[in-house]
Amino acid sequence: HVQLVESGGGSVQAGGSLRLSCVSSANIRASYCMGWFRQAPGKEREGVAVIAGSGSPGYADSVRGRFTISKDTAENALYLQMNQLKPEDTAMYYCAARSSRIVIGCPRGPSAYEYWGQGTQVTVS
């Protein structure tokens, strides 16, 4: 089984930065899609950023230009660098993975991802 664990969340003032990390307990195939999703109280879970096996990223319009997703396949790790944080970024952030045999393109919807971490809270004030 693939078990994902997030870290790096916390409280930060608007305009600040945080770097989230996600590590897997098992080896992740290089072709897997990986992504970061977030959910605020009373809202639906939404995709923040995804990265394909090829390394090609995709971002939600609300974070494009501020967030950067990256991965280290050798370390079974996924990262999300968040800059210029805004109060509306406040949410529980989840790391997720999707098994895939293609390396180009990843779905944006949370329902497409089968492996999930427990989440790490990000609070921006």
Protein backbone atom coordinates (compact mmCIF):
# COMPACT_ATOMS: atom_id res chain seq x y z
CA HIS A 1 0.00 0.00 0.00
CA VAL A 2 0.97 3.57 -0.60
CA GLN A 3 0.78 5.71 2.50
CA LEU A 4 1.34 9.44 2.19
CA VAL A 5 2.33 11.77 5.00
CA GLU A 6 2.28 15.54 4.70
CA SER A 7 4.24 18.05 6.72
CA GLY A 8 5.19 21.70 6.63
CA GLY A 9 1.88 23.32 7.37
CA GLY A 10 1.44 26.03 9.92
CA SER A 11 0.30 29.56 10.53
CA VAL A 12 1.71 32.41 8.52
CA GLN A 13 0.88 36.03 7.86
CA ALA A 14 -0.48 37.11 4.52
CA GLY A 15 2.31 37.50 2.04
CA GLY A 16 4.41 34.85 3.70
CA SER A 17 5.59 31.49 2.46
CA LEU A 18 5.38 27.85 3.41
CA ARG A 19 6.82 24.71 1.90
CA LEU A 20 4.77 21.55 2.18
CA SER A 21 6.31 18.12 1.91
CA CYS A 22 4.78 14.74 1.27
CA VAL A 23 6.58 11.44 1.58
CA SER A 24 5.41 7.98 0.67
CA SER A 25 5.95 4.86 2.72
CA ALA A 26 6.27 2.87 -0.49
CA ASN A 27 7.99 3.46 -3.76
CA ILE A 28 5.94 5.52 -6.15
CA ARG A 29 6.16 4.63 -9.80
CA ALA A 30 7.66 7.41 -11.83
CA SER A 31 4.59 7.45 -14.04
CA TYR A 32 2.19 8.20 -11.18
CA CYS A 33 0.36 11.47 -11.05
CA MET A 34 0.89 13.37 -7.83
CA GLY A 35 -1.02 16.32 -6.55
CA TRP A 36 -1.90 18.74 -3.81
CA PHE A 37 -5.50 19.40 -2.89
CA ARG A 38 -7.07 21.55 -0.25
CA GLN A 39 -10.32 21.78 1.59
CA ALA A 40 -11.58 24.67 3.67
CA PRO A 41 -14.42 24.28 6.17
CA GLY A 42 -17.76 24.11 4.42
CA LYS A 43 -16.20 23.90 0.98
CA GLU A 44 -15.52 21.14 -1.50
CA ARG A 45 -12.07 19.71 -1.87
CA GLU A 46 -10.30 21.37 -4.75
CA GLY A 47 -7.22 20.69 -6.77
CA VAL A 48 -4.33 23.05 -6.13
CA ALA A 49 -1.56 21.61 -8.25
CA VAL A 50 -0.77 18.35 -9.98
CA ILE A 51 2.37 17.01 -11.54
CA ALA A 52 2.62 14.30 -14.16
CA GLY A 53 5.19 11.57 -14.40
CA SER A 54 6.92 13.66 -17.02
CA GLY A 55 7.28 16.46 -14.49
CA SER A 56 4.80 18.70 -16.24
CA PRO A 57 2.79 20.69 -13.67
CA GLY A 58 -0.74 21.98 -13.66
CA TYR A 59 -2.13 24.65 -11.36
CA ALA A 60 -5.44 26.00 -10.26
CA ASP A 61 -5.98 29.52 -11.53
CA SER A 62 -6.11 30.80 -7.97
CA VAL A 63 -2.55 29.72 -7.20
CA ARG A 64 -0.78 29.96 -10.53
CA GLY A 65 2.25 32.17 -10.23
CA ARG A 66 2.37 31.83 -6.45
CA PHE A 67 2.67 28.07 -5.86
CA THR A 68 5.15 25.63 -7.31
CA ILE A 69 4.77 21.87 -7.25
CA SER A 70 7.79 19.61 -7.56
CA LYS A 71 8.78 16.05 -6.84
CA ASP A 72 11.77 13.91 -6.07
CA THR A 73 11.01 10.46 -7.37
CA ALA A 74 14.12 8.93 -5.85
CA GLU A 75 13.02 10.10 -2.40
CA ASN A 76 9.34 9.31 -2.99
CA ALA A 77 8.60 12.89 -2.11
CA LEU A 78 6.32 15.64 -3.33
CA TYR A 79 6.60 19.31 -2.49
CA LEU A 80 4.54 22.44 -2.72
CA GLN A 81 6.25 25.78 -2.38
CA MET A 82 3.65 28.37 -1.48
CA ASN A 83 4.55 32.03 -1.78
CA GLN A 84 2.54 35.22 -1.46
CA LEU A 85 0.03 33.43 0.70
CA LYS A 86 -3.41 34.91 1.10
CA PRO A 87 -6.07 34.38 3.76
CA GLU A 88 -8.17 32.54 1.19
CA ASP A 89 -5.42 29.92 0.98
CA THR A 90 -6.34 28.79 4.48
CA ALA A 91 -7.32 25.13 4.31
CA MET A 92 -6.29 21.60 5.07
CA TYR A 93 -3.84 20.58 2.39
CA TYR A 94 -3.67 17.00 1.20
CA CYS A 95 -1.13 15.11 -0.81
CA ALA A 96 -2.51 12.57 -3.25
CA ALA A 97 -1.34 10.09 -5.84
CA ARG A 98 -2.93 8.38 -8.79
CA SER A 99 -1.64 5.26 -10.46
CA SER A 100 -1.03 5.92 -14.10
CA ARG A 101 0.77 4.31 -16.98
CA ILE A 102 1.08 7.51 -18.93
CA VAL A 103 3.55 10.23 -18.08
CA ILE A 104 1.93 13.22 -19.72
CA GLY A 105 -1.14 14.81 -18.24
CA CYS A 106 -2.95 14.34 -14.94
CA PRO A 107 -6.58 14.80 -13.97
CA ARG A 108 -7.46 17.80 -11.84
CA GLY A 109 -10.37 16.31 -9.94
CA PRO A 110 -9.83 14.82 -6.46
CA SER A 111 -11.97 11.78 -7.25
CA ALA A 112 -9.36 10.53 -9.69
CA TYR A 113 -6.75 10.07 -6.99
CA GLU A 114 -6.74 6.92 -4.90
CA TYR A 115 -3.96 7.50 -2.40
CA TRP A 116 -4.28 10.27 0.16
CA GLY A 117 -2.43 11.63 3.13
CA GLN A 118 -3.99 12.81 6.37
CA GLY A 119 -3.47 16.45 5.56
CA THR A 120 -1.55 19.37 6.99
CA GLN A 121 -3.23 22.58 8.08
CA VAL A 122 -2.30 25.89 6.53
CA THR A 123 -3.63 29.03 8.14
CA VAL A 124 -2.98 32.45 6.66
CA SER A 125 -3.88 35.58 8.55
